[in-house]
Amino acid sequence: MAKPSHLIVVGASAGGMPALVKLVSQLPGELPASVLVVQHFSPDSDGQHLVDRLARHTGLRCRLPQNGDLLEDRTLYLAPPDRHLLVREGRILVTKGPRENHYRPAADALFRSAAVAYGPNVIGVVLTGMLHDGTAGLEFIKRCGGTAVVQDPHEAEYSSMPETALRNVAIDHVVTLSQMGPLLARLTQQESQPGSAPIPEDLIQEAAIAERVVGNTEDVDKIGQLVPITCPDCGGNLWEITHGKVLRYRCHTGHTFTGDSLLKSTQHNLEETLWVALRMMEERKNLLTSMASRGESFYSVQQEERIEEIKKHINRLREFLINGGGGTSGSTVVTPED
């Protein structure tokens, strides 16, 4: 095996394994590139089983990599369960670093490290999947001179990942799976290029933070601006990244989010908070009911009035949640006064 002239980095999520099988079956066994794949799956999944499945459909050597493995051509590497897959100086890094967009492994993390290490000789591919992983990563690749490819969203089993990439990044090729294999083979036949422009310093900094697993506030201050938003994963401060066109946020421990994924997370947290509020109001109603049952005094009449009032608020909040209001902007919730 020789050193690869190119890196093909692939991100896939829901519906990804059938798409990956179809893609790798088209790639020639003599491909002068390393193919590195992030497929979102459960942390307790059997990664080797997935590698074996891919190996049955391609002439490429398929591996579940170990930290420190050399990058070799004609080889496919699948990110292990619950581990980030990164590259540096011709070697593979397998780390349990902070999640990015709530994912580990994350396509964005792989794409960024590949872009910093291989510059214009990186081809980024986003396949079927839900939500937004891979979008920021394709922008990293483009900023370093590489090539961005997405599966045609009309063909994808789940179109969210390719559609989000198309909305936010200048994609070079939008193709069906049947066209993608020959396209990637052609792109890897192009002569390996030295970097025509320097790799952006902010991406070098972010790649270094990911490699070290944890950063510090001084590192993040260099690439972003502190904003009054907290990290949904660890509760720390968030910095808004000031480079690139894709809106992104990062905390100093390493969690990163696109604006879209952060919004999705805050909607989820808001809904959880409202369900807790509903539970607390139900408990308050039950307590007031017990207090009112103790007698027929004026105090008991007051409690009955408060019970009727809190029942109204419970019904309104329950209706709000059942109708999906917890994720709707512009909605208001009226809560009972103490």
C-alpha atoms as a PDB file:
ATOM      1  CA  MET A   1       0.000   0.000   0.000  1.00  0.00           C
ATOM      2  CA  ALA A   2       1.145   3.540  -0.779  1.00  0.00           C
ATOM      3  CA  LYS A   3       0.350   6.965   0.581  1.00  0.00           C
ATOM      4  CA  PRO A   4      -2.915   8.271  -0.882  1.00  0.00           C
ATOM      5  CA  SER A   5      -2.839  11.142  -3.363  1.00  0.00           C
ATOM      6  CA  HIS A   6      -6.353  12.193  -2.293  1.00  0.00           C
ATOM      7  CA  LEU A   7      -8.725  11.800   0.603  1.00  0.00           C
ATOM      8  CA  ILE A   8     -12.405  11.091   0.011  1.00  0.00           C
ATOM      9  CA  VAL A   9     -14.336  11.903   3.185  1.00  0.00           C
ATOM     10  CA  VAL A  10     -17.966  10.807   3.388  1.00  0.00           C
ATOM     11  CA  GLY A  11     -20.737  11.720   5.826  1.00  0.00           C
ATOM     12  CA  ALA A  12     -24.007   9.776   6.059  1.00  0.00           C
ATOM     13  CA  SER A  13     -26.785   9.355   8.580  1.00  0.00           C
ATOM     14  CA  ALA A  14     -30.328   7.956   8.250  1.00  0.00           C
ATOM     15  CA  GLY A  15     -30.490   5.638   5.237  1.00  0.00           C
ATOM     16  CA  GLY A  16     -26.711   5.783   4.989  1.00  0.00           C
ATOM     17  CA  MET A  17     -25.676   2.121   4.930  1.00  0.00           C
ATOM     18  CA  PRO A  18     -27.630   1.170   1.774  1.00  0.00           C
ATOM     19  CA  ALA A  19     -26.320   4.326   0.112  1.00  0.00           C
ATOM     20  CA  LEU A  20     -22.741   3.556   1.163  1.00  0.00           C
ATOM     21  CA  VAL A  21     -23.011  -0.008  -0.147  1.00  0.00           C
ATOM     22  CA  LYS A  22     -24.167   1.280  -3.523  1.00  0.00           C
ATOM     23  CA  LEU A  23     -21.429   3.918  -3.607  1.00  0.00           C
ATOM     24  CA  VAL A  24     -18.460   1.719  -2.653  1.00  0.00           C
ATOM     25  CA  SER A  25     -19.536  -0.980  -5.106  1.00  0.00           C
ATOM     26  CA  GLN A  26     -18.678   1.488  -7.906  1.00  0.00           C
ATOM     27  CA  LEU A  27     -15.224   2.469  -6.638  1.00  0.00           C
ATOM     28  CA  PRO A  28     -12.270   0.708  -8.302  1.00  0.00           C
ATOM     29  CA  GLY A  29     -10.072  -1.468  -6.142  1.00  0.00           C
ATOM     30  CA  GLU A  30      -7.007   0.454  -7.372  1.00  0.00           C
ATOM     31  CA  LEU A  31      -8.344   3.820  -6.189  1.00  0.00           C
ATOM     32  CA  PRO A  32      -5.336   6.075  -5.409  1.00  0.00           C
ATOM     33  CA  ALA A  33      -7.121   7.511  -2.387  1.00  0.00           C
ATOM     34  CA  SER A  34      -8.125   6.798   1.171  1.00  0.00           C
ATOM     35  CA  VAL A  35     -11.868   6.770   1.771  1.00  0.00           C
ATOM     36  CA  LEU A  36     -12.872   7.833   5.293  1.00  0.00           C
ATOM     37  CA  VAL A  37     -16.502   7.376   6.298  1.00  0.00           C
ATOM     38  CA  VAL A  38     -18.598   8.744   9.123  1.00  0.00           C
ATOM     39  CA  GLN A  39     -21.921   6.931   9.464  1.00  0.00           C
ATOM     40  CA  HIS A  40     -24.119   7.917  12.387  1.00  0.00           C
ATOM     41  CA  PHE A  41     -25.081   4.843  14.381  1.00  0.00           C
ATOM     42  CA  SER A  42     -25.647   3.808  17.977  1.00  0.00           C
ATOM     43  CA  PRO A  43     -22.617   3.988  20.337  1.00  0.00           C
ATOM     44  CA  ASP A  44     -23.054   0.295  21.149  1.00  0.00           C
ATOM     45  CA  SER A  45     -23.228  -0.808  17.514  1.00  0.00           C
ATOM     46  CA  ASP A  46     -20.901  -3.440  16.105  1.00  0.00           C
ATOM     47  CA  GLY A  47     -18.652  -1.379  13.863  1.00  0.00           C
ATOM     48  CA  GLN A  48     -16.845  -4.427  12.509  1.00  0.00           C
ATOM     49  CA  HIS A  49     -20.128  -5.862  11.271  1.00  0.00           C
ATOM     50  CA  LEU A  50     -20.682  -2.706   9.201  1.00  0.00           C
ATOM     51  CA  VAL A  51     -17.119  -2.843   7.867  1.00  0.00           C
ATOM     52  CA  ASP A  52     -17.622  -6.455   6.813  1.00  0.00           C
ATOM     53  CA  ARG A  53     -20.858  -5.504   5.083  1.00  0.00           C
ATOM     54  CA  LEU A  54     -19.108  -2.817   3.039  1.00  0.00           C
ATOM     55  CA  ALA A  55     -16.183  -5.143   2.253  1.00  0.00           C
ATOM     56  CA  ARG A  56     -18.530  -7.613   0.556  1.00  0.00           C
ATOM     57  CA  HIS A  57     -19.347  -4.990  -2.076  1.00  0.00           C
ATOM     58  CA  THR A  58     -15.998  -3.416  -2.947  1.00  0.00           C
ATOM     59  CA  GLY A  59     -12.452  -4.226  -3.943  1.00  0.00           C
ATOM     60  CA  LEU A  60     -11.159  -1.648  -1.478  1.00  0.00           C
ATOM     61  CA  ARG A  61      -9.655  -2.900   1.740  1.00  0.00           C
ATOM     62  CA  CYS A  62     -12.155  -1.995   4.501  1.00  0.00           C
ATOM     63  CA  ARG A  63     -11.015  -1.366   8.044  1.00  0.00           C
ATOM     64  CA  LEU A  64     -12.160  -0.202  11.461  1.00  0.00           C
ATOM     65  CA  PRO A  65      -9.112   1.968  12.219  1.00  0.00           C
ATOM     66  CA  GLN A  66      -7.011   2.214  15.350  1.00  0.00           C
ATOM     67  CA  ASN A  67      -5.527   5.433  16.649  1.00  0.00           C
ATOM     68  CA  GLY A  68      -2.199   6.089  14.915  1.00  0.00           C
ATOM     69  CA  ASP A  69      -2.808   3.922  11.828  1.00  0.00           C
ATOM     70  CA  LEU A  70      -1.115   5.095   8.638  1.00  0.00           C
ATOM     71  CA  LEU A  71      -3.327   6.389   5.846  1.00  0.00           C
ATOM     72  CA  GLU A  72      -3.065   4.107   2.814  1.00  0.00           C
ATOM     73  CA  ASP A  73      -4.505   4.233  -0.669  1.00  0.00           C
ATOM     74  CA  ARG A  74      -7.076   1.662  -1.880  1.00  0.00           C
ATOM     75  CA  THR A  75      -8.423   1.562   1.700  1.00  0.00           C
ATOM     76  CA  LEU A  76     -11.736   2.498   3.289  1.00  0.00           C
ATOM     77  CA  TYR A  77     -11.820   3.465   6.964  1.00  0.00           C
ATOM     78  CA  LEU A  78     -15.113   3.524   8.883  1.00  0.00           C
ATOM     79  CA  ALA A  79     -15.288   5.677  12.012  1.00  0.00           C
ATOM     80  CA  PRO A  80     -15.654   3.392  15.064  1.00  0.00           C
ATOM     81  CA  PRO A  81     -18.822   3.693  17.169  1.00  0.00           C
ATOM     82  CA  ASP A  82     -18.799   6.669  19.561  1.00  0.00           C
ATOM     83  CA  ARG A  83     -15.390   7.887  18.324  1.00  0.00           C
ATOM     84  CA  HIS A  84     -14.355  10.799  16.133  1.00  0.00           C
ATOM     85  CA  LEU A  85     -12.275   9.943  13.068  1.00  0.00           C
ATOM     86  CA  LEU A  86      -9.580  12.563  12.338  1.00  0.00           C
ATOM     87  CA  VAL A  87      -6.420  12.735  10.225  1.00  0.00           C
ATOM     88  CA  ARG A  88      -3.068  14.413  10.802  1.00  0.00           C
ATOM     89  CA  GLU A  89       0.273  14.145   9.031  1.00  0.00           C
ATOM     90  CA  GLY A  90      -0.578  10.970   7.147  1.00  0.00           C
ATOM     91  CA  ARG A  91      -2.019   9.187  10.158  1.00  0.00           C
ATOM     92  CA  ILE A  92      -5.468   8.498  11.581  1.00  0.00           C
ATOM     93  CA  LEU A  93      -6.572   9.797  14.951  1.00  0.00           C
ATOM     94  CA  VAL A  94      -9.410   8.015  16.751  1.00  0.00           C
ATOM     95  CA  THR A  95     -10.607  10.091  19.703  1.00  0.00           C
ATOM     96  CA  LYS A  96     -13.521  10.360  22.093  1.00  0.00           C
ATOM     97  CA  GLY A  97     -13.608  14.120  21.897  1.00  0.00           C
ATOM     98  CA  PRO A  98     -16.620  16.362  22.540  1.00  0.00           C
ATOM     99  CA  ARG A  99     -19.651  15.861  20.301  1.00  0.00           C
ATOM    100  CA  GLU A 100     -20.157  18.160  17.344  1.00  0.00           C
ATOM    101  CA  ASN A 101     -23.786  18.947  16.468  1.00  0.00           C
ATOM    102  CA  HIS A 102     -24.562  16.296  19.123  1.00  0.00           C
ATOM    103  CA  TYR A 103     -22.773  13.626  17.044  1.00  0.00           C
ATOM    104  CA  ARG A 104     -19.772  11.417  17.751  1.00  0.00           C
ATOM    105  CA  PRO A 105     -18.484  10.496  15.237  1.00  0.00           C
ATOM    106  CA  ALA A 106     -19.237  13.725  13.386  1.00  0.00           C
ATOM    107  CA  ALA A 107     -18.738  14.366   9.691  1.00  0.00           C
ATOM    108  CA  ASP A 108     -17.824  17.992  10.415  1.00  0.00           C
ATOM    109  CA  ALA A 109     -14.914  16.914  12.632  1.00  0.00           C
ATOM    110  CA  LEU A 110     -13.554  14.512   9.985  1.00  0.00           C
ATOM    111  CA  PHE A 111     -14.013  16.983   7.126  1.00  0.00           C
ATOM    112  CA  ARG A 112     -12.239  19.773   9.020  1.00  0.00           C
ATOM    113  CA  SER A 113      -9.191  17.684   9.914  1.00  0.00           C
ATOM    114  CA  ALA A 114      -8.939  16.323   6.357  1.00  0.00           C
ATOM    115  CA  ALA A 115      -9.193  19.820   4.880  1.00  0.00           C
ATOM    116  CA  VAL A 116      -6.409  21.122   7.121  1.00  0.00           C
ATOM    117  CA  ALA A 117      -4.168  18.103   6.424  1.00  0.00           C
ATOM    118  CA  TYR A 118      -4.745  17.630   2.655  1.00  0.00           C
ATOM    119  CA  GLY A 119      -6.056  20.988   1.405  1.00  0.00           C
ATOM    120  CA  PRO A 120      -7.103  20.883  -2.268  1.00  0.00           C
ATOM    121  CA  ASN A 121      -6.656  17.101  -2.431  1.00  0.00           C
ATOM    122  CA  VAL A 122      -9.770  16.445  -0.318  1.00  0.00           C
ATOM    123  CA  ILE A 123     -13.133  15.468  -1.795  1.00  0.00           C
ATOM    124  CA  GLY A 124     -16.013  15.849   0.647  1.00  0.00           C
ATOM    125  CA  VAL A 125     -19.225  13.856   0.137  1.00  0.00           C
ATOM    126  CA  VAL A 126     -22.548  14.257   1.954  1.00  0.00           C
ATOM    127  CA  LEU A 127     -25.109  11.486   1.517  1.00  0.00           C
ATOM    128  CA  THR A 128     -28.611  10.844   2.842  1.00  0.00           C
ATOM    129  CA  GLY A 129     -29.357  11.839   6.419  1.00  0.00           C
ATOM    130  CA  MET A 130     -31.346  13.983   8.794  1.00  0.00           C
ATOM    131  CA  LEU A 131     -30.397  17.360  10.280  1.00  0.00           C
ATOM    132  CA  HIS A 132     -27.204  19.231   9.459  1.00  0.00           C
ATOM    133  CA  ASP A 133     -23.944  17.311  10.000  1.00  0.00           C
ATOM    134  CA  GLY A 134     -21.518  17.747   7.087  1.00  0.00           C
ATOM    135  CA  THR A 135     -22.634  21.211   6.002  1.00  0.00           C
ATOM    136  CA  ALA A 136     -19.995  23.130   7.950  1.00  0.00           C
ATOM    137  CA  GLY A 137     -17.497  20.406   7.024  1.00  0.00           C
ATOM    138  CA  LEU A 138     -18.048  20.953   3.298  1.00  0.00           C
ATOM    139  CA  GLU A 139     -17.459  24.659   3.809  1.00  0.00           C
ATOM    140  CA  PHE A 140     -14.168  23.846   5.585  1.00  0.00           C
ATOM    141  CA  ILE A 141     -13.132  21.746   2.577  1.00  0.00           C
ATOM    142  CA  LYS A 142     -14.054  24.492   0.116  1.00  0.00           C
ATOM    143  CA  ARG A 143     -12.129  27.107   2.124  1.00  0.00           C
ATOM    144  CA  CYS A 144      -9.046  24.886   1.881  1.00  0.00           C
ATOM    145  CA  GLY A 145      -9.384  24.436  -1.900  1.00  0.00           C
ATOM    146  CA  GLY A 146     -11.049  21.018  -1.934  1.00  0.00           C
ATOM    147  CA  THR A 147     -14.102  19.689  -3.779  1.00  0.00           C
ATOM    148  CA  ALA A 148     -17.661  19.377  -2.407  1.00  0.00           C
ATOM    149  CA  VAL A 149     -20.059  16.664  -3.621  1.00  0.00           C
ATOM    150  CA  VAL A 150     -23.597  15.919  -2.410  1.00  0.00           C
ATOM    151  CA  GLN A 151     -26.116  13.234  -3.249  1.00  0.00           C
ATOM    152  CA  ASP A 152     -29.079  14.537  -5.231  1.00  0.00           C
ATOM    153  CA  PRO A 153     -31.659  15.325  -2.491  1.00  0.00           C
ATOM    154  CA  HIS A 154     -34.493  14.102  -4.721  1.00  0.00           C
ATOM    155  CA  GLU A 155     -32.939  10.640  -4.664  1.00  0.00           C
ATOM    156  CA  ALA A 156     -31.795  10.577  -1.032  1.00  0.00           C
ATOM    157  CA  GLU A 157     -33.891   8.501   1.351  1.00  0.00           C
ATOM    158  CA  TYR A 158     -33.576  11.380   3.843  1.00  0.00           C
ATOM    159  CA  SER A 159     -32.887  14.660   2.082  1.00  0.00           C
ATOM    160  CA  SER A 160     -32.117  16.984   5.017  1.00  0.00           C
ATOM    161  CA  MET A 161     -28.309  16.642   5.047  1.00  0.00           C
ATOM    162  CA  PRO A 162     -27.762  17.206   1.287  1.00  0.00           C
ATOM    163  CA  GLU A 163     -30.418  19.948   1.159  1.00  0.00           C
ATOM    164  CA  THR A 164     -28.847  21.859   4.061  1.00  0.00           C
ATOM    165  CA  ALA A 165     -25.438  21.613   2.421  1.00  0.00           C
ATOM    166  CA  LEU A 166     -26.839  22.941  -0.860  1.00  0.00           C
ATOM    167  CA  ARG A 167     -28.464  25.905   0.890  1.00  0.00           C
ATOM    168  CA  ASN A 168     -25.288  26.961   2.667  1.00  0.00           C
ATOM    169  CA  VAL A 169     -22.247  25.910   0.609  1.00  0.00           C
ATOM    170  CA  ALA A 170     -21.143  26.372  -3.016  1.00  0.00           C
ATOM    171  CA  ILE A 171     -21.323  22.693  -3.987  1.00  0.00           C
ATOM    172  CA  ASP A 172     -19.263  21.541  -6.968  1.00  0.00           C
ATOM    173  CA  HIS A 173     -21.243  18.419  -7.904  1.00  0.00           C
ATOM    174  CA  VAL A 174     -24.826  17.299  -7.186  1.00  0.00           C
ATOM    175  CA  VAL A 175     -25.221  13.737  -8.458  1.00  0.00           C
ATOM    176  CA  THR A 176     -27.185  10.544  -7.969  1.00  0.00           C
ATOM    177  CA  LEU A 177     -25.521   7.569  -6.312  1.00  0.00           C
ATOM    178  CA  SER A 178     -25.186   5.819  -9.677  1.00  0.00           C
ATOM    179  CA  GLN A 179     -23.162   8.789 -10.954  1.00  0.00           C
ATOM    180  CA  MET A 180     -21.132   9.380  -7.809  1.00  0.00           C
ATOM    181  CA  GLY A 181     -18.717   6.447  -8.006  1.00  0.00           C
ATOM    182  CA  PRO A 182     -17.423   7.269 -11.500  1.00  0.00           C
ATOM    183  CA  LEU A 183     -17.230  10.966 -10.537  1.00  0.00           C
ATOM    184  CA  LEU A 184     -15.075  10.262  -7.488  1.00  0.00           C
ATOM    185  CA  ALA A 185     -12.821   7.955  -9.507  1.00  0.00           C
ATOM    186  CA  ARG A 186     -12.283  10.735 -12.076  1.00  0.00           C
ATOM    187  CA  LEU A 187     -11.563  13.336  -9.411  1.00  0.00           C
ATOM    188  CA  THR A 188      -8.901  11.142  -7.810  1.00  0.00           C
ATOM    189  CA  GLN A 189      -7.155  10.770 -11.174  1.00  0.00           C
ATOM    190  CA  GLN A 190      -6.390  14.478 -11.202  1.00  0.00           C
ATOM    191  CA  GLU A 191      -2.844  15.343 -10.306  1.00  0.00           C
ATOM    192  CA  SER A 192      -2.260  15.920  -6.619  1.00  0.00           C
ATOM    193  CA  GLN A 193      -1.938  19.644  -5.980  1.00  0.00           C
ATOM    194  CA  PRO A 194       0.153  21.501  -3.463  1.00  0.00           C
ATOM    195  CA  GLY A 195      -1.851  24.087  -1.537  1.00  0.00           C
ATOM    196  CA  SER A 196      -2.516  27.014  -3.873  1.00  0.00           C
ATOM    197  CA  ALA A 197      -3.332  29.151  -0.852  1.00  0.00           C
ATOM    198  CA  PRO A 198      -2.469  28.846   2.834  1.00  0.00           C
ATOM    199  CA  ILE A 199      -4.844  26.887   5.046  1.00  0.00           C
ATOM    200  CA  PRO A 200      -6.962  29.366   7.079  1.00  0.00           C
ATOM    201  CA  GLU A 201      -5.550  29.889  10.557  1.00  0.00           C
ATOM    202  CA  ASP A 202      -8.936  29.535  12.235  1.00  0.00           C
ATOM    203  CA  LEU A 203      -9.361  26.027  10.801  1.00  0.00           C
ATOM    204  CA  ILE A 204      -5.860  25.067  11.892  1.00  0.00           C
ATOM    205  CA  GLN A 205      -6.784  26.267  15.383  1.00  0.00           C
ATOM    206  CA  GLU A 206     -10.074  24.336  15.433  1.00  0.00           C
ATOM    207  CA  ALA A 207      -8.415  21.165  14.161  1.00  0.00           C
ATOM    208  CA  ALA A 208      -5.797  21.461  16.906  1.00  0.00           C
ATOM    209  CA  ILE A 209      -8.505  21.853  19.558  1.00  0.00           C
ATOM    210  CA  ALA A 210     -10.224  18.678  18.289  1.00  0.00           C
ATOM    211  CA  GLU A 211      -6.955  16.731  18.312  1.00  0.00           C
ATOM    212  CA  ARG A 212      -6.217  17.736  21.905  1.00  0.00           C
ATOM    213  CA  VAL A 213      -9.812  16.749  22.849  1.00  0.00           C
ATOM    214  CA  VAL A 214     -10.223  19.892  24.994  1.00  0.00           C
ATOM    215  CA  GLY A 215      -9.319  23.532  24.436  1.00  0.00           C
ATOM    216  CA  ASN A 216      -9.311  26.628  26.589  1.00  0.00           C
ATOM    217  CA  THR A 217     -10.918  30.052  26.484  1.00  0.00           C
ATOM    218  CA  GLU A 218      -7.791  31.661  25.043  1.00  0.00           C
ATOM    219  CA  ASP A 219      -7.889  29.296  22.058  1.00  0.00           C
ATOM    220  CA  VAL A 220     -11.552  29.991  21.325  1.00  0.00           C
ATOM    221  CA  ASP A 221     -11.116  33.762  21.769  1.00  0.00           C
ATOM    222  CA  LYS A 222      -8.836  33.664  18.712  1.00  0.00           C
ATOM    223  CA  ILE A 223     -11.568  32.352  16.399  1.00  0.00           C
ATOM    224  CA  GLY A 224     -14.843  33.618  17.839  1.00  0.00           C
ATOM    225  CA  GLN A 225     -16.753  36.162  19.851  1.00  0.00           C
ATOM    226  CA  LEU A 226     -18.287  35.355  23.241  1.00  0.00           C
ATOM    227  CA  VAL A 227     -22.093  35.533  23.116  1.00  0.00           C
ATOM    228  CA  PRO A 228     -24.783  35.348  25.863  1.00  0.00           C
ATOM    229  CA  ILE A 229     -25.802  31.766  24.973  1.00  0.00           C
ATOM    230  CA  THR A 230     -24.943  28.611  26.899  1.00  0.00           C
ATOM    231  CA  CYS A 231     -23.831  25.259  25.521  1.00  0.00           C
ATOM    232  CA  PRO A 232     -26.736  22.781  25.619  1.00  0.00           C
ATOM    233  CA  ASP A 233     -24.303  19.885  26.188  1.00  0.00           C
ATOM    234  CA  CYS A 234     -22.202  21.188  29.096  1.00  0.00           C
ATOM    235  CA  GLY A 235     -23.768  24.506  30.170  1.00  0.00           C
ATOM    236  CA  GLY A 236     -20.628  26.522  29.433  1.00  0.00           C
ATOM    237  CA  ASN A 237     -20.341  29.764  27.499  1.00  0.00           C
ATOM    238  CA  LEU A 238     -20.562  29.739  23.718  1.00  0.00           C
ATOM    239  CA  TRP A 239     -18.490  31.668  21.206  1.00  0.00           C
ATOM    240  CA  GLU A 240     -19.932  32.604  17.813  1.00  0.00           C
ATOM    241  CA  ILE A 241     -17.377  31.653  15.172  1.00  0.00           C
ATOM    242  CA  THR A 242     -16.596  34.714  13.078  1.00  0.00           C
ATOM    243  CA  HIS A 243     -15.058  32.920  10.079  1.00  0.00           C
ATOM    244  CA  GLY A 244     -16.839  31.326   7.126  1.00  0.00           C
ATOM    245  CA  LYS A 245     -20.410  31.739   5.930  1.00  0.00           C
ATOM    246  CA  VAL A 246     -22.061  28.940   7.936  1.00  0.00           C
ATOM    247  CA  LEU A 247     -23.214  30.278  11.317  1.00  0.00           C
ATOM    248  CA  ARG A 248     -21.492  28.204  14.014  1.00  0.00           C
ATOM    249  CA  TYR A 249     -20.941  28.175  17.771  1.00  0.00           C
ATOM    250  CA  ARG A 250     -18.298  26.539  19.947  1.00  0.00           C
ATOM    251  CA  CYS A 251     -17.689  26.166  23.681  1.00  0.00           C
ATOM    252  CA  HIS A 252     -14.188  25.983  25.122  1.00  0.00           C
ATOM    253  CA  THR A 253     -14.578  22.299  26.011  1.00  0.00           C
ATOM    254  CA  GLY A 254     -15.004  21.497  22.308  1.00  0.00           C
ATOM    255  CA  HIS A 255     -18.734  21.094  21.657  1.00  0.00           C
ATOM    256  CA  THR A 256     -19.666  22.759  18.376  1.00  0.00           C
ATOM    257  CA  PHE A 257     -22.972  23.544  16.697  1.00  0.00           C
ATOM    258  CA  THR A 258     -24.248  25.070  13.509  1.00  0.00           C
ATOM    259  CA  GLY A 259     -26.917  27.700  14.059  1.00  0.00           C
ATOM    260  CA  ASP A 260     -29.546  25.238  12.839  1.00  0.00           C
ATOM    261  CA  SER A 261     -28.501  22.451  15.210  1.00  0.00           C
ATOM    262  CA  LEU A 262     -28.290  24.861  18.164  1.00  0.00           C
ATOM    263  CA  LEU A 263     -31.796  26.129  17.427  1.00  0.00           C
ATOM    264  CA  LYS A 264     -33.064  22.544  17.277  1.00  0.00           C
ATOM    265  CA  SER A 265     -31.433  21.812  20.627  1.00  0.00           C
ATOM    266  CA  THR A 266     -32.913  24.884  22.329  1.00  0.00           C
ATOM    267  CA  GLN A 267     -36.365  23.917  21.059  1.00  0.00           C
ATOM    268  CA  HIS A 268     -35.933  20.471  22.588  1.00  0.00           C
ATOM    269  CA  ASN A 269     -34.773  21.953  25.914  1.00  0.00           C
ATOM    270  CA  LEU A 270     -37.700  24.393  25.917  1.00  0.00           C
ATOM    271  CA  GLU A 271     -40.166  21.539  25.460  1.00  0.00           C
ATOM    272  CA  GLU A 272     -38.580  19.587  28.317  1.00  0.00           C
ATOM    273  CA  THR A 273     -38.821  22.659  30.563  1.00  0.00           C
ATOM    274  CA  LEU A 274     -42.496  23.096  29.736  1.00  0.00           C
ATOM    275  CA  TRP A 275     -43.238  19.452  30.586  1.00  0.00           C
ATOM    276  CA  VAL A 276     -41.507  19.966  33.947  1.00  0.00           C
ATOM    277  CA  ALA A 277     -43.633  23.086  34.498  1.00  0.00           C
ATOM    278  CA  LEU A 278     -46.762  21.056  33.708  1.00  0.00           C
ATOM    279  CA  ARG A 279     -45.763  18.374  36.203  1.00  0.00           C
ATOM    280  CA  MET A 280     -45.136  20.998  38.911  1.00  0.00           C
ATOM    281  CA  MET A 281     -48.532  22.608  38.293  1.00  0.00           C
ATOM    282  CA  GLU A 282     -50.216  19.212  38.564  1.00  0.00           C
ATOM    283  CA  GLU A 283     -48.476  18.663  41.910  1.00  0.00           C
ATOM    284  CA  ARG A 284     -49.534  22.128  43.090  1.00  0.00           C
ATOM    285  CA  LYS A 285     -53.146  21.373  42.127  1.00  0.00           C
ATOM    286  CA  ASN A 286     -53.042  18.099  44.059  1.00  0.00           C
ATOM    287  CA  LEU A 287     -51.652  19.848  47.138  1.00  0.00           C
ATOM    288  CA  LEU A 288     -54.296  22.565  47.010  1.00  0.00           C
ATOM    289  CA  THR A 289     -56.996  19.907  46.625  1.00  0.00           C
ATOM    290  CA  SER A 290     -55.777  18.133  49.764  1.00  0.00           C
ATOM    291  CA  MET A 291     -55.702  21.413  51.703  1.00  0.00           C
ATOM    292  CA  ALA A 292     -59.220  22.366  50.574  1.00  0.00           C
ATOM    293  CA  SER A 293     -60.614  18.988  51.652  1.00  0.00           C
ATOM    294  CA  ARG A 294     -59.696  19.695  55.275  1.00  0.00           C
ATOM    295  CA  GLY A 295     -62.815  21.815  55.956  1.00  0.00           C
ATOM    296  CA  GLU A 296     -65.346  24.360  54.747  1.00  0.00           C
ATOM    297  CA  SER A 297     -63.758  27.493  56.137  1.00  0.00           C
ATOM    298  CA  PHE A 298     -63.198  30.684  54.192  1.00  0.00           C
ATOM    299  CA  TYR A 299     -59.629  29.476  53.696  1.00  0.00           C
ATOM    300  CA  SER A 300     -60.930  26.298  52.001  1.00  0.00           C
ATOM    301  CA  VAL A 301     -63.090  28.377  49.650  1.00  0.00           C
ATOM    302  CA  GLN A 302     -59.995  30.346  48.648  1.00  0.00           C
ATOM    303  CA  GLN A 303     -58.165  27.115  47.924  1.00  0.00           C
ATOM    304  CA  GLU A 304     -61.033  25.918  45.714  1.00  0.00           C
ATOM    305  CA  GLU A 305     -60.788  29.135  43.693  1.00  0.00           C
ATOM    306  CA  ARG A 306     -57.044  28.673  43.283  1.00  0.00           C
ATOM    307  CA  ILE A 307     -57.605  25.060  42.184  1.00  0.00           C
ATOM    308  CA  GLU A 308     -60.002  26.141  39.435  1.00  0.00           C
ATOM    309  CA  GLU A 309     -57.534  28.788  38.269  1.00  0.00           C
ATOM    310  CA  ILE A 310     -54.597  26.382  38.117  1.00  0.00           C
ATOM    311  CA  LYS A 311     -56.722  23.813  36.258  1.00  0.00           C
ATOM    312  CA  LYS A 312     -57.238  26.396  33.506  1.00  0.00           C
ATOM    313  CA  HIS A 313     -53.492  26.964  33.237  1.00  0.00           C
ATOM    314  CA  ILE A 314     -52.811  23.211  33.220  1.00  0.00           C
ATOM    315  CA  ASN A 315     -55.278  22.669  30.393  1.00  0.00           C
ATOM    316  CA  ARG A 316     -53.816  25.546  28.351  1.00  0.00           C
ATOM    317  CA  LEU A 317     -50.231  24.339  28.794  1.00  0.00           C
ATOM    318  CA  ARG A 318     -51.170  20.741  28.032  1.00  0.00           C
ATOM    319  CA  GLU A 319     -52.949  21.836  24.837  1.00  0.00           C
ATOM    320  CA  PHE A 320     -49.947  23.976  23.910  1.00  0.00           C
ATOM    321  CA  LEU A 321     -47.562  21.018  24.255  1.00  0.00           C
ATOM    322  CA  ILE A 322     -49.818  18.481  22.534  1.00  0.00           C
ATOM    323  CA  ASN A 323     -50.176  20.817  19.541  1.00  0.00           C
ATOM    324  CA  GLY A 324     -46.390  21.155  19.228  1.00  0.00           C
ATOM    325  CA  GLY A 325     -46.176  24.673  20.627  1.00  0.00           C
ATOM    326  CA  GLY A 326     -42.963  23.887  22.508  1.00  0.00           C
ATOM    327  CA  GLY A 327     -41.015  24.291  19.287  1.00  0.00           C
ATOM    328  CA  THR A 328     -42.957  27.188  17.775  1.00  0.00           C
ATOM    329  CA  SER A 329     -41.400  30.609  17.818  1.00  0.00           C
ATOM    330  CA  GLY A 330     -43.585  33.529  18.740  1.00  0.00           C
ATOM    331  CA  SER A 331     -45.883  31.475  20.986  1.00  0.00           C
ATOM    332  CA  THR A 332     -46.491  32.540  24.562  1.00  0.00           C
ATOM    333  CA  VAL A 333     -47.410  30.540  27.613  1.00  0.00           C
ATOM    334  CA  VAL A 334     -49.317  32.008  30.525  1.00  0.00           C
ATOM    335  CA  THR A 335     -48.332  30.481  33.850  1.00  0.00           C
ATOM    336  CA  PRO A 336     -50.085  30.855  37.204  1.00  0.00           C
ATOM    337  CA  GLU A 337     -48.935  33.407  39.692  1.00  0.00           C
ATOM    338  CA  ASP A 338     -47.725  32.260  43.089  1.00  0.00           C
END
